Amino acid sequence: IARSVLIGRATNWVRQLVETPPNLLGPEQFADAVRALANELAPEVVTVPQWDAEQLAERGFGGTLGGGAGSSRTPLVIELTAGEGEVVGLAGKGITFDSGGINLKRDASELAWMKSDMAAAASVAAAVVVSAALGGGRATHAILPVAENLPGTRAQRPGDVVTHPGGRTTEVTDTDCEGRLVLADAISWLSRT
């Protein structure tokens, strides 16, 4: 029963985040929610450091910085670690709202639902926390790039080139492909650690 309650609590936490209005859930609020879940379900087992924009630049997270450049809400990365031994690496896209950037989405019904573009990051965070709380046998290391993809005077443009951890670059041909860019950052980082 205790195991089912824990899994149900984490599942409902993800659902609640997905349903949170985008004006109430930017990158910083998302990070706060992840820390709160870890502190509630697995205190002292899961660490949840947060990387700011300066740290993202130092670590080569150009896809995350580019994807969030048009928003007044600064992008960030949440790192979750738990356990010891052989590590399982996980990455989750945390786009708290995805307008498409300069390549604005055209379908109004699709655009209205883009508050859910952080569901993968929420699911990965919940999985790490629940696994640790249940005494999961494998160590986990998760990288969750979190940004808000909006058009704006500083927004990334089609044709821009971003650099990922390790130095590989990507030319942005469509600003609505920010998910691939943030995941490229996360996977590049995980593959090097």
N, C-alpha and C. Protein backbone atom coordinates (compact mmCIF):
# COMPACT_ATOMS: atom_id res chain seq x y z
N ILE A 1 0.84 -1.20 0.00
CA ILE A 1 0.00 0.00 0.00
C ILE A 1 0.88 1.25 0.00
N ALA A 2 1.93 1.25 0.83
CA ALA A 2 2.80 2.42 0.91
C ALA A 2 3.46 2.70 -0.45
N ARG A 3 3.87 1.64 -1.14
CA ARG A 3 4.50 1.80 -2.46
C ARG A 3 3.51 2.41 -3.43
N SER A 4 2.28 1.93 -3.45
CA SER A 4 1.25 2.45 -4.36
C SER A 4 0.91 3.91 -4.05
N VAL A 5 0.87 4.25 -2.77
CA VAL A 5 0.60 5.63 -2.39
C VAL A 5 1.70 6.55 -2.89
N LEU A 6 2.94 6.12 -2.76
CA LEU A 6 4.08 6.91 -3.22
C LEU A 6 4.04 7.12 -4.74
N ILE A 7 3.80 6.06 -5.48
CA ILE A 7 3.72 6.16 -6.93
C ILE A 7 2.53 7.03 -7.35
N GLY A 8 1.40 6.87 -6.69
CA GLY A 8 0.23 7.69 -6.97
C GLY A 8 0.48 9.16 -6.68
N ARG A 9 1.17 9.44 -5.58
CA ARG A 9 1.50 10.83 -5.23
C ARG A 9 2.36 11.47 -6.32
N ALA A 10 3.37 10.75 -6.79
CA ALA A 10 4.25 11.28 -7.84
C ALA A 10 3.51 11.44 -9.17
N THR A 11 2.66 10.48 -9.50
CA THR A 11 1.89 10.57 -10.73
C THR A 11 0.98 11.79 -10.72
N ASN A 12 0.30 12.01 -9.60
CA ASN A 12 -0.58 13.17 -9.49
C ASN A 12 0.20 14.48 -9.50
N TRP A 13 1.42 14.46 -8.95
CA TRP A 13 2.28 15.65 -8.98
C TRP A 13 2.58 16.04 -10.43
N VAL A 14 2.92 15.04 -11.27
CA VAL A 14 3.18 15.32 -12.68
C VAL A 14 1.93 15.88 -13.34
N ARG A 15 0.78 15.26 -13.10
CA ARG A 15 -0.47 15.74 -13.70
C ARG A 15 -0.78 17.17 -13.29
N GLN A 16 -0.56 17.48 -12.01
CA GLN A 16 -0.84 18.84 -11.55
C GLN A 16 0.08 19.86 -12.22
N LEU A 17 1.36 19.51 -12.40
CA LEU A 17 2.27 20.43 -13.08
C LEU A 17 1.85 20.64 -14.53
N VAL A 18 1.47 19.56 -15.21
CA VAL A 18 1.05 19.67 -16.61
C VAL A 18 -0.17 20.58 -16.73
N GLU A 19 -1.05 20.56 -15.76
CA GLU A 19 -2.27 21.38 -15.79
C GLU A 19 -2.08 22.79 -15.24
N THR A 20 -0.91 23.10 -14.71
CA THR A 20 -0.69 24.44 -14.16
C THR A 20 -0.63 25.47 -15.28
N PRO A 21 -1.35 26.59 -15.13
CA PRO A 21 -1.32 27.62 -16.16
C PRO A 21 0.11 28.13 -16.37
N PRO A 22 0.47 28.44 -17.62
CA PRO A 22 1.85 28.83 -17.92
C PRO A 22 2.30 30.11 -17.23
N ASN A 23 1.38 31.00 -16.89
CA ASN A 23 1.79 32.21 -16.18
C ASN A 23 2.19 31.91 -14.74
N LEU A 24 1.82 30.72 -14.24
CA LEU A 24 2.17 30.34 -12.87
C LEU A 24 3.30 29.32 -12.80
N LEU A 25 3.78 28.84 -13.96
CA LEU A 25 4.82 27.81 -13.96
C LEU A 25 5.89 28.13 -15.00
N GLY A 26 6.80 29.01 -14.61
CA GLY A 26 7.98 29.26 -15.42
C GLY A 26 9.11 28.35 -14.95
N PRO A 27 10.30 28.51 -15.51
CA PRO A 27 11.43 27.66 -15.12
C PRO A 27 11.72 27.67 -13.61
N GLU A 28 11.70 28.83 -12.99
CA GLU A 28 12.02 28.91 -11.56
C GLU A 28 10.97 28.19 -10.72
N GLN A 29 9.70 28.36 -11.05
CA GLN A 29 8.63 27.69 -10.31
C GLN A 29 8.68 26.18 -10.52
N PHE A 30 9.05 25.76 -11.73
CA PHE A 30 9.20 24.34 -12.00
C PHE A 30 10.31 23.75 -11.12
N ALA A 31 11.44 24.43 -11.06
CA ALA A 31 12.55 23.97 -10.22
C ALA A 31 12.15 23.90 -8.75
N ASP A 32 11.40 24.89 -8.29
CA ASP A 32 10.92 24.88 -6.90
C ASP A 32 10.04 23.66 -6.64
N ALA A 33 9.18 23.33 -7.62
CA ALA A 33 8.29 22.17 -7.47
C ALA A 33 9.08 20.87 -7.41
N VAL A 34 10.12 20.75 -8.22
CA VAL A 34 10.95 19.54 -8.20
C VAL A 34 11.64 19.40 -6.85
N ARG A 35 12.22 20.50 -6.36
CA ARG A 35 12.88 20.46 -5.04
C ARG A 35 11.89 20.09 -3.93
N ALA A 36 10.69 20.64 -4.00
CA ALA A 36 9.68 20.34 -2.99
C ALA A 36 9.30 18.86 -3.01
N LEU A 37 9.15 18.28 -4.21
CA LEU A 37 8.83 16.85 -4.30
C LEU A 37 9.96 16.01 -3.71
N ALA A 38 11.18 16.33 -4.06
CA ALA A 38 12.33 15.57 -3.54
C ALA A 38 12.40 15.69 -2.02
N ASN A 39 12.18 16.90 -1.49
CA ASN A 39 12.22 17.10 -0.04
C ASN A 39 11.08 16.38 0.68
N GLU A 40 9.95 16.25 0.00
CA GLU A 40 8.80 15.57 0.61
C GLU A 40 8.95 14.04 0.59
N LEU A 41 9.36 13.49 -0.55
CA LEU A 41 9.35 12.04 -0.72
C LEU A 41 10.70 11.36 -0.48
N ALA A 42 11.79 12.08 -0.69
CA ALA A 42 13.11 11.44 -0.56
C ALA A 42 14.15 12.42 0.00
N PRO A 43 13.83 13.02 1.15
CA PRO A 43 14.80 13.97 1.71
C PRO A 43 16.11 13.27 2.05
N GLU A 44 17.19 13.96 1.81
CA GLU A 44 18.54 13.47 2.08
C GLU A 44 18.95 12.28 1.20
N VAL A 45 18.12 11.92 0.24
CA VAL A 45 18.45 10.83 -0.67
C VAL A 45 18.71 11.38 -2.08
N VAL A 46 17.90 12.36 -2.48
CA VAL A 46 18.02 12.96 -3.81
C VAL A 46 18.58 14.37 -3.66
N THR A 47 19.63 14.68 -4.43
CA THR A 47 20.13 16.05 -4.46
C THR A 47 19.57 16.74 -5.70
N VAL A 48 19.27 18.03 -5.55
CA VAL A 48 18.61 18.77 -6.62
C VAL A 48 19.29 20.13 -6.84
N PRO A 49 20.55 20.14 -7.28
CA PRO A 49 21.14 21.44 -7.60
C PRO A 49 20.51 22.06 -8.84
N GLN A 50 20.55 23.37 -8.90
CA GLN A 50 20.00 24.12 -10.03
C GLN A 50 21.12 24.95 -10.64
N TRP A 51 21.20 24.94 -11.95
CA TRP A 51 22.23 25.72 -12.66
C TRP A 51 21.58 26.95 -13.25
N ASP A 52 22.20 28.11 -13.01
CA ASP A 52 21.68 29.36 -13.57
C ASP A 52 22.26 29.61 -14.96
N ALA A 53 21.87 30.72 -15.57
CA ALA A 53 22.27 31.01 -16.95
C ALA A 53 23.79 31.12 -17.09
N GLU A 54 24.45 31.67 -16.09
CA GLU A 54 25.91 31.78 -16.16
C GLU A 54 26.55 30.39 -16.17
N GLN A 55 26.06 29.50 -15.32
CA GLN A 55 26.58 28.13 -15.30
C GLN A 55 26.26 27.40 -16.60
N LEU A 56 25.08 27.67 -17.18
CA LEU A 56 24.74 27.04 -18.46
C LEU A 56 25.72 27.48 -19.54
N ALA A 57 26.05 28.75 -19.56
CA ALA A 57 27.01 29.25 -20.55
C ALA A 57 28.38 28.61 -20.34
N GLU A 58 28.81 28.53 -19.09
CA GLU A 58 30.11 27.91 -18.79
C GLU A 58 30.15 26.45 -19.20
N ARG A 59 29.02 25.75 -19.10
CA ARG A 59 28.97 24.31 -19.38
C ARG A 59 28.58 24.00 -20.82
N GLY A 60 28.35 25.04 -21.61
CA GLY A 60 28.07 24.83 -23.03
C GLY A 60 26.64 24.50 -23.37
N PHE A 61 25.68 24.89 -22.56
CA PHE A 61 24.27 24.59 -22.81
C PHE A 61 23.65 25.64 -23.73
N GLY A 62 24.20 25.75 -24.95
CA GLY A 62 23.73 26.74 -25.91
C GLY A 62 22.32 26.49 -26.41
N GLY A 63 21.92 25.22 -26.50
CA GLY A 63 20.56 24.91 -26.93
C GLY A 63 19.53 25.38 -25.93
N THR A 64 19.82 25.22 -24.65
CA THR A 64 18.90 25.64 -23.59
C THR A 64 18.85 27.16 -23.51
N LEU A 65 20.01 27.79 -23.57
CA LEU A 65 20.05 29.26 -23.54
C LEU A 65 19.34 29.84 -24.76
N GLY A 66 19.56 29.24 -25.94
CA GLY A 66 18.90 29.73 -27.15
C GLY A 66 17.40 29.53 -27.11
N GLY A 67 16.97 28.36 -26.65
CA GLY A 67 15.54 28.08 -26.59
C GLY A 67 14.79 29.01 -25.66
N GLY A 68 15.45 29.50 -24.62
CA GLY A 68 14.80 30.39 -23.66
C GLY A 68 15.15 31.85 -23.83
N ALA A 69 15.88 32.20 -24.90
CA ALA A 69 16.37 33.57 -25.06
C ALA A 69 15.28 34.61 -25.26
N GLY A 70 14.14 34.23 -25.85
CA GLY A 70 13.07 35.19 -26.12
C GLY A 70 12.21 35.51 -24.92
N SER A 71 12.34 34.76 -23.86
CA SER A 71 11.50 34.93 -22.68
C SER A 71 12.18 35.81 -21.64
N SER A 72 11.38 36.50 -20.84
CA SER A 72 11.93 37.26 -19.72
C SER A 72 12.27 36.33 -18.55
N ARG A 73 11.82 35.08 -18.63
CA ARG A 73 12.13 34.08 -17.61
C ARG A 73 13.40 33.34 -18.02
N THR A 74 14.40 33.40 -17.18
CA THR A 74 15.71 32.84 -17.49
C THR A 74 15.68 31.32 -17.51
N PRO A 75 16.28 30.70 -18.54
CA PRO A 75 16.36 29.24 -18.55
C PRO A 75 17.29 28.73 -17.45
N LEU A 76 17.15 27.48 -17.09
CA LEU A 76 17.97 26.86 -16.07
C LEU A 76 18.05 25.37 -16.32
N VAL A 77 18.89 24.71 -15.55
CA VAL A 77 18.94 23.25 -15.59
C VAL A 77 18.80 22.74 -14.17
N ILE A 78 18.00 21.70 -14.02
CA ILE A 78 17.86 20.99 -12.75
C ILE A 78 18.62 19.69 -12.89
N GLU A 79 19.49 19.43 -11.93
CA GLU A 79 20.25 18.18 -11.92
C GLU A 79 19.77 17.36 -10.73
N LEU A 80 19.38 16.14 -10.96
CA LEU A 80 18.99 15.25 -9.86
C LEU A 80 19.95 14.08 -9.80
N THR A 81 20.41 13.77 -8.61
CA THR A 81 21.25 12.58 -8.43
C THR A 81 20.75 11.82 -7.22
N ALA A 82 20.85 10.51 -7.30
CA ALA A 82 20.45 9.65 -6.20
C ALA A 82 21.20 8.34 -6.30
N GLY A 83 21.57 7.78 -5.16
CA GLY A 83 22.18 6.46 -5.11
C GLY A 83 23.65 6.46 -5.44
N GLU A 84 24.21 5.28 -5.34
CA GLU A 84 25.63 5.09 -5.62
C GLU A 84 25.79 3.87 -6.51
N GLY A 85 26.94 3.79 -7.18
CA GLY A 85 27.22 2.64 -8.03
C GLY A 85 27.00 2.97 -9.48
N GLU A 86 26.71 1.93 -10.27
CA GLU A 86 26.50 2.11 -11.70
C GLU A 86 25.34 3.08 -11.93
N VAL A 87 25.57 4.07 -12.78
CA VAL A 87 24.62 5.17 -12.93
C VAL A 87 23.76 5.01 -14.19
N VAL A 88 22.49 5.28 -14.03
CA VAL A 88 21.56 5.40 -15.16
C VAL A 88 21.38 6.89 -15.42
N GLY A 89 21.64 7.33 -16.64
CA GLY A 89 21.46 8.73 -16.99
C GLY A 89 20.10 8.95 -17.63
N LEU A 90 19.44 10.02 -17.23
CA LEU A 90 18.12 10.36 -17.76
C LEU A 90 18.10 11.83 -18.16
N ALA A 91 17.37 12.13 -19.21
CA ALA A 91 17.19 13.51 -19.65
C ALA A 91 15.71 13.75 -19.88
N GLY A 92 15.26 14.96 -19.57
CA GLY A 92 13.85 15.28 -19.79
C GLY A 92 13.69 16.72 -20.23
N LYS A 93 12.92 16.90 -21.28
CA LYS A 93 12.66 18.24 -21.83
C LYS A 93 11.70 18.99 -20.92
N GLY A 94 12.11 20.18 -20.48
CA GLY A 94 11.30 20.98 -19.57
C GLY A 94 10.94 22.33 -20.16
N ILE A 95 10.20 22.35 -21.24
CA ILE A 95 9.78 23.62 -21.83
C ILE A 95 8.44 24.00 -21.20
N THR A 96 8.49 24.99 -20.31
CA THR A 96 7.29 25.32 -19.52
C THR A 96 6.19 25.95 -20.37
N PHE A 97 6.57 26.57 -21.47
CA PHE A 97 5.58 26.97 -22.48
C PHE A 97 6.31 27.07 -23.81
N ASP A 98 5.71 26.49 -24.85
CA ASP A 98 6.35 26.45 -26.16
C ASP A 98 5.47 27.11 -27.21
N SER A 99 5.72 28.38 -27.46
CA SER A 99 4.97 29.11 -28.50
C SER A 99 5.47 28.77 -29.88
N GLY A 100 6.67 28.17 -29.95
CA GLY A 100 7.33 27.92 -31.23
C GLY A 100 8.42 28.94 -31.48
N GLY A 101 8.50 29.97 -30.63
CA GLY A 101 9.50 31.01 -30.83
C GLY A 101 9.15 31.83 -32.05
N ILE A 102 10.14 32.25 -32.81
CA ILE A 102 9.89 33.04 -34.01
C ILE A 102 9.08 32.23 -35.03
N ASN A 103 9.29 30.92 -35.09
CA ASN A 103 8.47 30.04 -35.93
C ASN A 103 7.20 29.70 -35.15
N LEU A 104 6.40 30.72 -34.89
CA LEU A 104 5.22 30.60 -34.05
C LEU A 104 4.28 29.50 -34.53
N LYS A 105 3.77 28.71 -33.57
CA LYS A 105 2.80 27.66 -33.92
C LYS A 105 1.55 28.32 -34.50
N ARG A 106 0.96 27.67 -35.49
CA ARG A 106 -0.20 28.26 -36.18
C ARG A 106 -1.53 27.74 -35.67
N ASP A 107 -1.54 26.56 -35.11
CA ASP A 107 -2.78 25.93 -34.65
C ASP A 107 -3.09 26.40 -33.23
N ALA A 108 -4.16 27.16 -33.08
CA ALA A 108 -4.50 27.75 -31.78
C ALA A 108 -4.75 26.68 -30.71
N SER A 109 -5.36 25.57 -31.09
CA SER A 109 -5.62 24.53 -30.09
C SER A 109 -4.32 23.86 -29.65
N GLU A 110 -3.37 23.70 -30.57
CA GLU A 110 -2.07 23.15 -30.20
C GLU A 110 -1.32 24.13 -29.30
N LEU A 111 -1.35 25.40 -29.64
CA LEU A 111 -0.65 26.42 -28.88
C LEU A 111 -1.16 26.49 -27.44
N ALA A 112 -2.45 26.39 -27.26
CA ALA A 112 -3.03 26.47 -25.92
C ALA A 112 -2.56 25.32 -25.03
N TRP A 113 -2.22 24.19 -25.63
CA TRP A 113 -1.82 23.03 -24.84
C TRP A 113 -0.31 22.97 -24.60
N MET A 114 0.43 23.94 -25.08
CA MET A 114 1.89 23.90 -24.98
C MET A 114 2.41 24.19 -23.58
N LYS A 115 1.52 24.38 -22.62
CA LYS A 115 1.92 24.41 -21.21
C LYS A 115 2.39 23.03 -20.76
N SER A 116 2.07 22.01 -21.55
CA SER A 116 2.41 20.62 -21.19
C SER A 116 3.78 20.19 -21.70
N ASP A 117 4.51 21.09 -22.34
CA ASP A 117 5.77 20.70 -22.98
C ASP A 117 6.88 20.43 -21.97
N MET A 118 6.53 20.47 -20.70
CA MET A 118 7.49 20.14 -19.65
C MET A 118 7.16 18.80 -19.01
N ALA A 119 6.22 18.07 -19.56
CA ALA A 119 5.77 16.81 -18.96
C ALA A 119 6.89 15.78 -18.88
N ALA A 120 7.78 15.75 -19.86
CA ALA A 120 8.88 14.77 -19.83
C ALA A 120 9.82 15.05 -18.66
N ALA A 121 10.16 16.32 -18.45
CA ALA A 121 11.04 16.67 -17.33
C ALA A 121 10.36 16.36 -16.00
N ALA A 122 9.07 16.64 -15.91
CA ALA A 122 8.34 16.32 -14.67
C ALA A 122 8.32 14.82 -14.43
N SER A 123 8.10 14.04 -15.48
CA SER A 123 8.06 12.58 -15.35
C SER A 123 9.42 12.02 -14.93
N VAL A 124 10.49 12.54 -15.52
CA VAL A 124 11.83 12.08 -15.14
C VAL A 124 12.12 12.44 -13.69
N ALA A 125 11.79 13.66 -13.28
CA ALA A 125 12.01 14.07 -11.89
C ALA A 125 11.25 13.15 -10.94
N ALA A 126 9.98 12.88 -11.25
CA ALA A 126 9.18 12.01 -10.40
C ALA A 126 9.77 10.60 -10.34
N ALA A 127 10.23 10.10 -11.48
CA ALA A 127 10.81 8.75 -11.51
C ALA A 127 12.07 8.66 -10.64
N VAL A 128 12.93 9.67 -10.71
CA VAL A 128 14.15 9.67 -9.89
C VAL A 128 13.79 9.71 -8.41
N VAL A 129 12.87 10.60 -8.05
CA VAL A 129 12.51 10.75 -6.64
C VAL A 129 11.84 9.49 -6.10
N VAL A 130 10.89 8.94 -6.85
CA VAL A 130 10.18 7.73 -6.39
C VAL A 130 11.13 6.54 -6.31
N SER A 131 11.99 6.38 -7.30
CA SER A 131 12.95 5.29 -7.26
C SER A 131 13.84 5.38 -6.02
N ALA A 132 14.31 6.58 -5.72
CA ALA A 132 15.14 6.77 -4.53
C ALA A 132 14.35 6.52 -3.26
N ALA A 133 13.12 7.01 -3.22
CA ALA A 133 12.29 6.82 -2.02
C ALA A 133 11.97 5.35 -1.77
N LEU A 134 11.86 4.57 -2.86
CA LEU A 134 11.58 3.14 -2.74
C LEU A 134 12.84 2.31 -2.53
N GLY A 135 14.00 2.99 -2.53
CA GLY A 135 15.25 2.26 -2.35
C GLY A 135 15.69 1.57 -3.61
N GLY A 136 15.48 2.24 -4.76
CA GLY A 136 15.86 1.67 -6.05
C GLY A 136 17.31 1.24 -6.06
N GLY A 137 17.61 0.17 -6.76
CA GLY A 137 18.94 -0.42 -6.74
C GLY A 137 19.99 0.28 -7.58
N ARG A 138 19.62 1.19 -8.48
CA ARG A 138 20.58 1.82 -9.37
C ARG A 138 20.69 3.30 -9.04
N ALA A 139 21.89 3.81 -9.18
CA ALA A 139 22.10 5.24 -9.04
C ALA A 139 21.53 5.94 -10.27
N THR A 140 20.98 7.13 -10.09
CA THR A 140 20.44 7.88 -11.22
C THR A 140 21.05 9.27 -11.25
N HIS A 141 21.22 9.77 -12.46
CA HIS A 141 21.71 11.12 -12.70
C HIS A 141 20.83 11.68 -13.80
N ALA A 142 20.03 12.69 -13.47
CA ALA A 142 19.11 13.27 -14.45
C ALA A 142 19.46 14.73 -14.70
N ILE A 143 19.38 15.13 -15.95
CA ILE A 143 19.58 16.51 -16.36
C ILE A 143 18.28 16.98 -17.02
N LEU A 144 17.71 18.05 -16.45
CA LEU A 144 16.44 18.58 -16.94
C LEU A 144 16.63 20.03 -17.37
N PRO A 145 16.83 20.29 -18.67
CA PRO A 145 16.90 21.67 -19.14
C PRO A 145 15.49 22.27 -19.14
N VAL A 146 15.36 23.45 -18.54
CA VAL A 146 14.04 24.07 -18.38
C VAL A 146 14.10 25.49 -18.97
N ALA A 147 13.18 25.78 -19.87
CA ALA A 147 13.13 27.09 -20.52
C ALA A 147 11.71 27.37 -20.98
N GLU A 148 11.48 28.61 -21.38
CA GLU A 148 10.21 29.01 -21.95
C GLU A 148 10.52 29.54 -23.35
N ASN A 149 9.93 28.92 -24.39
CA ASN A 149 10.24 29.26 -25.77
C ASN A 149 9.23 30.28 -26.29
N LEU A 150 9.65 31.54 -26.32
CA LEU A 150 8.78 32.62 -26.78
C LEU A 150 9.47 33.47 -27.83
N PRO A 151 8.69 34.14 -28.69
CA PRO A 151 9.32 35.13 -29.57
C PRO A 151 9.64 36.36 -28.73
N GLY A 152 10.61 37.11 -29.13
CA GLY A 152 10.97 38.32 -28.41
C GLY A 152 12.18 38.95 -29.06
N THR A 153 12.59 40.09 -28.55
CA THR A 153 13.70 40.81 -29.18
C THR A 153 15.03 40.08 -29.05
N ARG A 154 15.14 39.16 -28.09
CA ARG A 154 16.37 38.39 -27.91
C ARG A 154 16.20 36.93 -28.34
N ALA A 155 15.08 36.60 -28.95
CA ALA A 155 14.78 35.21 -29.31
C ALA A 155 15.77 34.68 -30.34
N GLN A 156 16.00 33.39 -30.26
CA GLN A 156 16.86 32.75 -31.26
C GLN A 156 16.15 32.77 -32.61
N ARG A 157 16.94 32.87 -33.66
CA ARG A 157 16.43 33.01 -35.01
C ARG A 157 16.76 31.77 -35.84
N PRO A 158 15.96 31.48 -36.85
CA PRO A 158 16.37 30.45 -37.81
C PRO A 158 17.71 30.87 -38.43
N GLY A 159 18.64 29.95 -38.46
CA GLY A 159 19.97 30.25 -38.97
C GLY A 159 21.01 30.42 -37.88
N ASP A 160 20.57 30.64 -36.64
CA ASP A 160 21.51 30.74 -35.53
C ASP A 160 22.20 29.39 -35.33
N VAL A 161 23.40 29.42 -34.77
CA VAL A 161 24.14 28.20 -34.45
C VAL A 161 24.37 28.19 -32.94
N VAL A 162 24.04 27.07 -32.30
CA VAL A 162 24.24 26.92 -30.86
C VAL A 162 25.28 25.83 -30.61
N THR A 163 25.98 25.97 -29.49
CA THR A 163 27.02 25.01 -29.12
C THR A 163 26.56 24.22 -27.92
N HIS A 164 26.77 22.91 -27.95
CA HIS A 164 26.37 22.00 -26.88
C HIS A 164 27.59 21.60 -26.05
N PRO A 165 27.39 21.02 -24.86
CA PRO A 165 28.54 20.55 -24.08
C PRO A 165 29.43 19.64 -24.92
N GLY A 166 30.72 19.86 -24.83
CA GLY A 166 31.66 19.07 -25.62
C GLY A 166 32.02 19.75 -26.93
N GLY A 167 31.30 20.82 -27.31
CA GLY A 167 31.68 21.59 -28.48
C GLY A 167 30.94 21.34 -29.77
N ARG A 168 30.08 20.32 -29.82
CA ARG A 168 29.32 20.09 -31.06
C ARG A 168 28.33 21.23 -31.24
N THR A 169 28.03 21.53 -32.49
CA THR A 169 27.14 22.64 -32.79
C THR A 169 25.93 22.17 -33.58
N THR A 170 24.88 22.99 -33.51
CA THR A 170 23.65 22.73 -34.27
C THR A 170 23.20 24.04 -34.90
N GLU A 171 22.86 23.99 -36.19
CA GLU A 171 22.25 25.15 -36.82
C GLU A 171 20.74 25.05 -36.62
N VAL A 172 20.16 26.11 -36.11
CA VAL A 172 18.72 26.16 -35.85
C VAL A 172 18.03 26.54 -37.16
N THR A 173 17.24 25.63 -37.69
CA THR A 173 16.50 25.95 -38.91
C THR A 173 15.03 26.25 -38.60
N ASP A 174 14.57 25.81 -37.43
CA ASP A 174 13.19 26.04 -37.00
C ASP A 174 13.23 26.24 -35.49
N THR A 175 12.82 27.40 -35.02
CA THR A 175 12.89 27.68 -33.58
C THR A 175 11.89 26.87 -32.77
N ASP A 176 10.98 26.18 -33.45
CA ASP A 176 10.04 25.31 -32.73
C ASP A 176 10.64 23.92 -32.48
N CYS A 177 11.91 23.76 -32.78
CA CYS A 177 12.61 22.49 -32.51
C CYS A 177 13.48 22.63 -31.27
N GLU A 178 13.07 23.50 -30.36
CA GLU A 178 13.87 23.76 -29.15
C GLU A 178 14.00 22.53 -28.28
N GLY A 179 13.05 21.63 -28.32
CA GLY A 179 13.12 20.41 -27.52
C GLY A 179 14.33 19.56 -27.89
N ARG A 180 14.59 19.45 -29.17
CA ARG A 180 15.76 18.69 -29.62
C ARG A 180 17.05 19.36 -29.17
N LEU A 181 17.04 20.68 -29.15
CA LEU A 181 18.25 21.42 -28.75
C LEU A 181 18.54 21.25 -27.26
N VAL A 182 17.49 21.34 -26.43
CA VAL A 182 17.73 21.19 -24.99
C VAL A 182 18.10 19.75 -24.65
N LEU A 183 17.51 18.79 -25.35
CA LEU A 183 17.87 17.39 -25.12
C LEU A 183 19.28 17.09 -25.61
N ALA A 184 19.70 17.74 -26.70
CA ALA A 184 21.08 17.58 -27.16
C ALA A 184 22.05 18.08 -26.09
N ASP A 185 21.72 19.19 -25.44
CA ASP A 185 22.54 19.69 -24.33
C ASP A 185 22.63 18.64 -23.22
N ALA A 186 21.47 18.15 -22.79
CA ALA A 186 21.41 17.21 -21.66
C ALA A 186 22.15 15.91 -21.98
N ILE A 187 21.90 15.35 -23.15
CA ILE A 187 22.54 14.08 -23.51
C ILE A 187 24.05 14.27 -23.68
N SER A 188 24.45 15.38 -24.28
CA SER A 188 25.89 15.66 -24.40
C SER A 188 26.54 15.74 -23.03
N TRP A 189 25.87 16.40 -22.10
CA TRP A 189 26.43 16.52 -20.75
C TRP A 189 26.50 15.15 -20.06
N LEU A 190 25.42 14.41 -20.13
CA LEU A 190 25.38 13.09 -19.48
C LEU A 190 26.42 12.15 -20.06
N SER A 191 26.65 12.22 -21.36
CA SER A 191 27.61 11.31 -21.99
C SER A 191 29.05 11.61 -21.57
N ARG A 192 29.27 12.80 -21.05
CA ARG A 192 30.63 13.21 -20.66
C ARG A 192 30.87 13.06 -19.16
N THR A 193 29.81 12.77 -18.38
CA THR A 193 29.98 12.69 -16.92
C THR A 193 29.91 11.25 -16.44
